[in-house]
């Protein structure tokens, strides 16, 4: 990713032209690595995204607002306290370093005007957002760095803020082109020109260095110690253009799109030609729009992945524990199948009490339950009387019989719970938004798989409003509703749907409840088929063909008492075998 110093220099001017003198309206922290500041002027209102995410650190205006947590983190509340209502004084960039310093004029607790700075450091895994007071002391940061993490630079509350260590590179805002050529000539060893430029210049990324080499050598690989006078002159010309772009902030936003994968791969402040016909270069109106477009999908996927990981861990752990429990119980149940032998031993001892004596460790008796009357050896406890030994066998028989009944019941309950967890795992795999994940988390909290977090007042956090079910339209005009998760499946089937609506669900396959809304009409064959295809698409059988889908009127669907969310029973149903497909989805209001 090429958000280098010169790119940031262009972006800084764009931000300053629009945001300086704006006031802070609201502050959000949607996750641990991002802060969104809403700024307002007399005629405008916009959102400034500050990200310290390892693979996408940046600062720009955004229209892609991620969902916010119900409870703001501590740093977010601190920023709201210190910066809400503050006026943005300036946005500065030290040289071509990958950092921006946002200076704010705000009022402290005593009513005095003070200057606070919010520093955004864009440095890969060392990226950070740091709040600094009027005395240069760190108030707090997104990522605190203590002595165990770094011995060179501490980022902790109360510590004086220091700039990151400077690199021995030339700054094109100050250095001239001959200095750059001289630095290349005096570098030790003979390296590729693009790598030599990367080690000599501050604020340029690998893609810019490769582009300079491409333009200088017309696609030929060049080396720093093997440049002819003609190539040096060409290199000096393109370095001069780069210097002019940096000093005049005349760059234009460009994005490289891989044609094979149809995926954005890089960005720059200049046109990129090095990829030839294997990539397409797109432009944008502003640098902020370019960054929004470049990161929108990837950041969404990353946020989903982070939130999904802990839910997946909870479900997997619970499933593995249940599987082990069922295995142990089935082994115990197998031992209970020998209980009839215990009853036979008790009966044989009771029938032969007259010929038994206390103190024997075993006895040979005829088994009168079999026609051949075979002799059976029965072990005895020498400390017990013959009658007590017989009663002991009867007691063990009753114990084994009770254990079999209890184990059978417990295994059935555990298997139903395993089926439920499998359905949650399926809905987790189909979650499309962070709100979907929040509802799944709430479901797991209600079922006791996740401990509910509490706020400072000791009350449970406010539950977000449930999302609406997915809505589709069949080719002949019928509405089809699909539950996003188990809780919504229950609401959709048991509360929202009419008794005459048609309920669909894949047969013995985890999936969503699907409702064909009839509104008093007789459903057509086309509507039934397409609704079944939608139900199959929103199930684990999505990638299969000839998926069995059961359907019946909603009146024939019921929920057993104490059943897990999404678990229902149904009667008087028919089955369709369909290939999963998805018609047009209606836009959410």
Foldseek 3Di string as FASTA:
>chain_A
DWCWLLVVLLQQVVCFVPAAQWAFAAWADQDLFKIWTWTDDPVDIWIWIAGQDQVQGDIHTAPQDADHDLDGDPVRVVCCQWGHGWGFHGWDDDQSAQKIKTWTWDADPVRDTWIKIWMFHHDRNPTWTFIAGRVQFTQAISDFADCVRPVPAGRHGGHHDDDDDDAQADRLLPDALVVLLVQLQPDPDKDWQLVSSVNHHHGGDSQVSVQLQCQLVVQDTHISNPDDPSSSVSSNVVVVVVSCCSNVVPFFKKWKAQPVVRATDDIDSHDGCNVPPRIDIDGDPGPNVVSNVNCVVVVQVVVLCVLLVVVVVLLVVLLVVLVVVLVVLVVLLVVLVCLVVLLQVLVQLVVPLVPDAAQDQWDWAFRPVDPVRHIDIGGADNVDRSNVRSVVSVVVSVVSVVSNVVSVVVSVVSVLVSVQSVLLVLLSVVDDGVLLSLVSVVLCCVVPSDPFDADPVRDGRDRDDHDAFWWDAFPVGWIKTWASGLQSLCCVLVPVADQQWKWKAFDPWRFIIMTTHQVPHDDDPRSVQLSNLQRCCGTPNVVPFQTKMKMDGSNQWADDPPRRRNDIDGDPIDIGGGHHDGHDTDDDD
